[in-house]
Amino acid sequence: MTDITQLSVVEQFFFYMNENGSYIFSQFVSHFLLSIYGVLLASVVGIPIGIYISKFPRFTGPITTLANIIQTIPTLALMAMIMLVLGLGKTTVIVTVFFYSLLPIIKNTHVGITTINRSLTDAGRGMGMTKLQVLYMIELPLSISVIITGIRIALVVAIGIVAIGAFIGAGGLGDIIIRGTNATNGTAIILAGAIPTALMAILADILLLWLERRLDPTKRKKLRTV
């Protein structure tokens, strides 16, 4: 039987990964899904809000201020407040991710739409398009790159928040990190949770960057001409 205390940290790390690969993978998937659920929910709510305040500028200040206030609340404090209503577990973490994801999604949607060249939307209206047609056929396609950038930021932040969610029983890779902090020689266990978390954030960012380039009509045109 291998005495892992005699191994280096790197050897202990690979030993732990080999012995607990299926558990780490299941926690990786759980962690990623919790992040995705929160960001998707924020996108469903935040993108329409961003569109709304781009059309009615008088509401921009109050809504962005409220989102900024939520962003300044410490993660554990916000989780604790939500936990009083929803209890321990994954739902509380998803709702926490939802609140933290609203600001970048709302702001980027608003910026994406308001920075479009007005001559393009005026041309659409001149061709007889309705406001809804201008939105779906001109404004959203041209602002999709900025909107996805907001979602990218939200998802990377969400992955870190979900790691903290392990303290309230949400599971995920944060659970492995906590086990490592409680172990006598837990550096390798901490790395077994921290490294996949970092890789997840990097891969999520790369994937959304690729999606951004595929959906942005201006960048898609450049890719075809290369």
Protein backbone atom coordinates (compact mmCIF):
# COMPACT_ATOMS: atom_id res chain seq x y z
CA MET A 1 0.00 0.00 0.00
CA THR A 2 1.38 3.41 -0.99
CA ASP A 3 2.23 5.82 1.84
CA ILE A 4 1.21 9.11 0.22
CA THR A 5 2.85 11.15 2.99
CA GLN A 6 6.20 10.10 1.53
CA LEU A 7 5.31 11.48 -1.90
CA SER A 8 5.86 15.00 -3.18
CA VAL A 9 2.89 17.36 -3.57
CA VAL A 10 2.82 16.78 -7.34
CA GLU A 11 2.89 12.99 -6.86
CA GLN A 12 0.17 13.22 -4.21
CA PHE A 13 -1.90 15.30 -6.62
CA PHE A 14 -1.71 12.73 -9.42
CA PHE A 15 -2.28 9.92 -6.94
CA TYR A 16 -5.44 11.60 -5.64
CA MET A 17 -6.66 12.32 -9.17
CA ASN A 18 -6.10 8.69 -10.14
CA GLU A 19 -7.85 7.32 -7.06
CA ASN A 20 -10.81 9.75 -7.14
CA GLY A 21 -11.16 10.50 -10.84
CA SER A 22 -14.84 9.63 -11.12
CA TYR A 23 -15.73 11.68 -8.04
CA ILE A 24 -13.78 14.71 -9.29
CA PHE A 25 -15.43 14.44 -12.71
CA SER A 26 -18.93 14.27 -11.19
CA GLN A 27 -18.16 17.33 -9.08
CA PHE A 28 -16.75 19.09 -12.15
CA VAL A 29 -19.99 18.49 -14.06
CA SER A 30 -22.12 19.55 -11.08
CA HIS A 31 -20.04 22.71 -10.64
CA PHE A 32 -20.32 23.63 -14.31
CA LEU A 33 -24.08 23.03 -14.43
CA LEU A 34 -24.69 25.19 -11.36
CA SER A 35 -22.72 28.00 -13.02
CA ILE A 36 -24.57 27.59 -16.32
CA TYR A 37 -28.02 27.53 -14.71
CA GLY A 38 -27.40 30.78 -12.83
CA VAL A 39 -25.97 32.59 -15.85
CA LEU A 40 -28.70 31.34 -18.19
CA LEU A 41 -31.35 32.56 -15.76
CA ALA A 42 -29.59 35.92 -15.54
CA SER A 43 -29.42 36.09 -19.35
CA VAL A 44 -33.15 35.43 -19.69
CA VAL A 45 -33.85 38.32 -17.30
CA GLY A 46 -30.87 40.61 -17.93
CA ILE A 47 -30.91 40.82 -21.73
CA PRO A 48 -34.54 42.04 -21.92
CA ILE A 49 -33.78 44.54 -19.13
CA GLY A 50 -30.72 45.77 -21.06
CA ILE A 51 -32.85 46.16 -24.19
CA TYR A 52 -35.53 48.00 -22.21
CA ILE A 53 -33.20 50.58 -20.68
CA SER A 54 -31.57 51.16 -24.06
CA LYS A 55 -35.00 52.22 -25.35
CA PHE A 56 -36.01 54.13 -22.21
CA PRO A 57 -32.82 55.86 -20.95
CA ARG A 58 -34.52 57.40 -17.91
CA PHE A 59 -34.54 53.94 -16.28
CA THR A 60 -30.84 53.27 -16.96
CA GLY A 61 -29.56 54.98 -13.81
CA PRO A 62 -31.87 53.33 -11.24
CA ILE A 63 -31.55 49.83 -12.73
CA THR A 64 -27.75 49.87 -13.13
CA THR A 65 -27.38 51.37 -9.64
CA LEU A 66 -29.45 48.54 -8.16
CA ALA A 67 -27.37 45.97 -10.04
CA ASN A 68 -24.18 47.68 -8.82
CA ILE A 69 -25.39 47.57 -5.22
CA ILE A 70 -26.02 43.81 -5.52
CA GLN A 71 -22.51 43.40 -6.96
CA THR A 72 -20.93 45.09 -3.93
CA ILE A 73 -22.47 42.68 -1.40
CA PRO A 74 -19.91 40.04 -0.32
CA THR A 75 -20.67 36.61 -1.78
CA LEU A 76 -21.05 34.81 1.55
CA ALA A 77 -23.26 37.61 2.90
CA LEU A 78 -25.58 37.42 -0.13
CA MET A 79 -25.67 33.62 0.11
CA ALA A 80 -26.54 33.89 3.80
CA MET A 81 -29.44 36.24 3.06
CA ILE A 82 -30.80 34.03 0.28
CA MET A 83 -30.26 30.95 2.45
CA LEU A 84 -32.69 32.36 5.03
CA VAL A 85 -35.42 32.05 2.38
CA LEU A 86 -34.34 29.08 0.25
CA GLY A 87 -32.28 27.09 2.76
CA LEU A 88 -29.04 25.23 2.17
CA GLY A 89 -28.10 23.67 -1.14
CA LYS A 90 -27.86 24.23 -4.86
CA THR A 91 -30.87 26.50 -5.31
CA THR A 92 -29.35 29.17 -3.09
CA VAL A 93 -26.10 29.08 -5.09
CA ILE A 94 -27.94 29.32 -8.42
CA VAL A 95 -29.90 32.36 -7.20
CA THR A 96 -26.66 33.94 -5.91
CA VAL A 97 -25.03 33.42 -9.32
CA PHE A 98 -28.13 34.90 -10.93
CA PHE A 99 -27.85 38.13 -8.94
CA TYR A 100 -24.11 38.52 -9.52
CA SER A 101 -24.51 37.85 -13.27
CA LEU A 102 -27.14 40.53 -13.83
CA LEU A 103 -24.80 43.55 -13.85
CA PRO A 104 -22.40 42.52 -16.67
CA ILE A 105 -25.24 41.16 -18.80
CA ILE A 106 -27.49 44.19 -18.38
CA LYS A 107 -24.66 46.70 -18.92
CA ASN A 108 -23.22 44.95 -21.96
CA THR A 109 -26.64 44.56 -23.58
CA HIS A 110 -27.32 48.25 -23.01
CA VAL A 111 -23.90 49.31 -24.33
CA GLY A 112 -24.12 46.95 -27.30
CA ILE A 113 -27.42 48.39 -28.50
CA THR A 114 -26.78 52.07 -27.72
CA THR A 115 -23.41 52.13 -29.53
CA ILE A 116 -24.80 50.87 -32.85
CA ASN A 117 -24.48 53.37 -35.69
CA ARG A 118 -27.86 55.13 -35.77
CA SER A 119 -27.72 55.42 -39.55
CA LEU A 120 -28.21 51.63 -39.76
CA THR A 121 -31.36 51.62 -37.63
CA ASP A 122 -32.65 54.73 -39.43
CA ALA A 123 -32.13 52.93 -42.75
CA GLY A 124 -34.15 49.97 -41.44
CA ARG A 125 -37.00 52.22 -40.39
CA GLY A 126 -36.80 53.97 -43.75
CA MET A 127 -37.32 50.57 -45.43
CA GLY A 128 -40.55 50.16 -43.48
CA MET A 129 -39.33 47.94 -40.65
CA THR A 130 -41.22 48.00 -37.37
CA LYS A 131 -39.38 48.67 -34.08
CA LEU A 132 -39.43 44.94 -33.32
CA GLN A 133 -38.00 44.09 -36.73
CA VAL A 134 -35.23 46.66 -36.30
CA LEU A 135 -34.42 45.12 -32.92
CA TYR A 136 -34.26 41.50 -34.12
CA MET A 137 -32.82 42.08 -37.58
CA ILE A 138 -30.36 44.92 -36.98
CA GLU A 139 -29.71 45.81 -33.33
CA LEU A 140 -29.38 42.37 -31.73
CA PRO A 141 -27.19 40.86 -34.48
CA LEU A 142 -24.84 43.86 -34.37
CA SER A 143 -24.67 43.92 -30.57
CA ILE A 144 -24.39 40.14 -30.04
CA SER A 145 -20.61 40.34 -29.64
CA VAL A 146 -20.87 42.81 -26.74
CA ILE A 147 -23.73 40.86 -25.15
CA ILE A 148 -21.78 37.59 -25.23
CA THR A 149 -18.79 39.39 -23.70
CA GLY A 150 -21.03 40.22 -20.74
CA ILE A 151 -22.11 36.59 -20.51
CA ARG A 152 -18.44 35.51 -20.64
CA ILE A 153 -17.62 37.77 -17.71
CA ALA A 154 -20.66 36.53 -15.78
CA LEU A 155 -19.81 32.85 -16.36
CA VAL A 156 -16.19 33.19 -15.23
CA VAL A 157 -17.33 34.99 -12.07
CA ALA A 158 -20.07 32.38 -11.56
CA ILE A 159 -17.55 29.53 -11.55
CA GLY A 160 -15.75 31.18 -8.64
CA ILE A 161 -19.00 31.82 -6.77
CA VAL A 162 -20.10 28.19 -7.10
CA ALA A 163 -16.80 27.12 -5.52
CA ILE A 164 -17.76 29.16 -2.44
CA GLY A 165 -21.20 27.55 -2.53
CA ALA A 166 -19.67 24.33 -1.19
CA PHE A 167 -19.79 25.95 2.27
CA ILE A 168 -23.59 25.73 2.20
CA GLY A 169 -23.80 22.19 0.85
CA ALA A 170 -24.03 22.89 -2.88
CA GLY A 171 -21.23 20.46 -3.79
CA GLY A 172 -19.04 21.11 -6.81
CA LEU A 173 -15.28 21.39 -6.91
CA GLY A 174 -15.36 23.67 -3.89
CA ASP A 175 -16.27 20.62 -1.84
CA ILE A 176 -12.91 19.06 -2.75
CA ILE A 177 -11.09 22.27 -1.83
CA ILE A 178 -12.79 22.31 1.59
CA ARG A 179 -11.79 18.68 2.14
CA GLY A 180 -8.22 19.64 1.41
CA THR A 181 -8.24 22.51 3.89
CA ASN A 182 -9.53 20.15 6.59
CA ALA A 183 -6.94 17.43 5.85
CA THR A 184 -3.56 17.21 7.58
CA ASN A 185 -1.59 17.19 4.31
CA GLY A 186 -4.28 18.57 2.05
CA THR A 187 -2.31 20.62 -0.47
CA ALA A 188 -2.71 17.98 -3.19
CA ILE A 189 -6.45 17.70 -2.48
CA ILE A 190 -6.83 21.49 -2.68
CA LEU A 191 -5.04 21.45 -6.03
CA ALA A 192 -7.35 18.64 -7.22
CA GLY A 193 -10.25 21.03 -6.71
CA ALA A 194 -8.59 24.32 -7.64
CA ILE A 195 -6.90 23.29 -10.91
CA PRO A 196 -10.08 21.86 -12.54
CA THR A 197 -11.93 25.01 -11.40
CA ALA A 198 -9.36 27.23 -13.12
CA LEU A 199 -9.42 25.04 -16.25
CA MET A 200 -13.21 25.24 -16.31
CA ALA A 201 -13.11 29.04 -16.26
CA ILE A 202 -10.52 29.12 -19.07
CA LEU A 203 -12.43 26.61 -21.23
CA ALA A 204 -15.75 28.40 -20.68
CA ASP A 205 -14.17 31.70 -21.73
CA ILE A 206 -12.63 30.14 -24.86
CA LEU A 207 -15.91 28.44 -25.79
CA LEU A 208 -17.92 31.65 -25.47
CA LEU A 209 -15.26 33.58 -27.40
CA TRP A 210 -15.62 31.06 -30.23
CA LEU A 211 -19.42 31.37 -30.05
CA GLU A 212 -19.13 35.16 -30.12
CA ARG A 213 -17.08 35.03 -33.31
CA ARG A 214 -19.50 32.60 -34.93
CA LEU A 215 -22.57 34.70 -34.13
CA ASP A 216 -21.18 38.18 -34.78
CA PRO A 217 -22.05 38.96 -38.44
CA THR A 218 -19.05 41.29 -38.89
CA LYS A 219 -16.53 38.79 -37.51
CA ARG A 220 -18.20 35.89 -39.34
CA LYS A 221 -17.75 37.74 -42.62
CA LYS A 222 -14.05 38.25 -41.87
CA LEU A 223 -13.62 34.53 -41.08
CA ARG A 224 -15.13 33.59 -44.44
CA THR A 225 -12.84 35.91 -46.36
CA VAL A 226 -9.69 34.58 -44.67
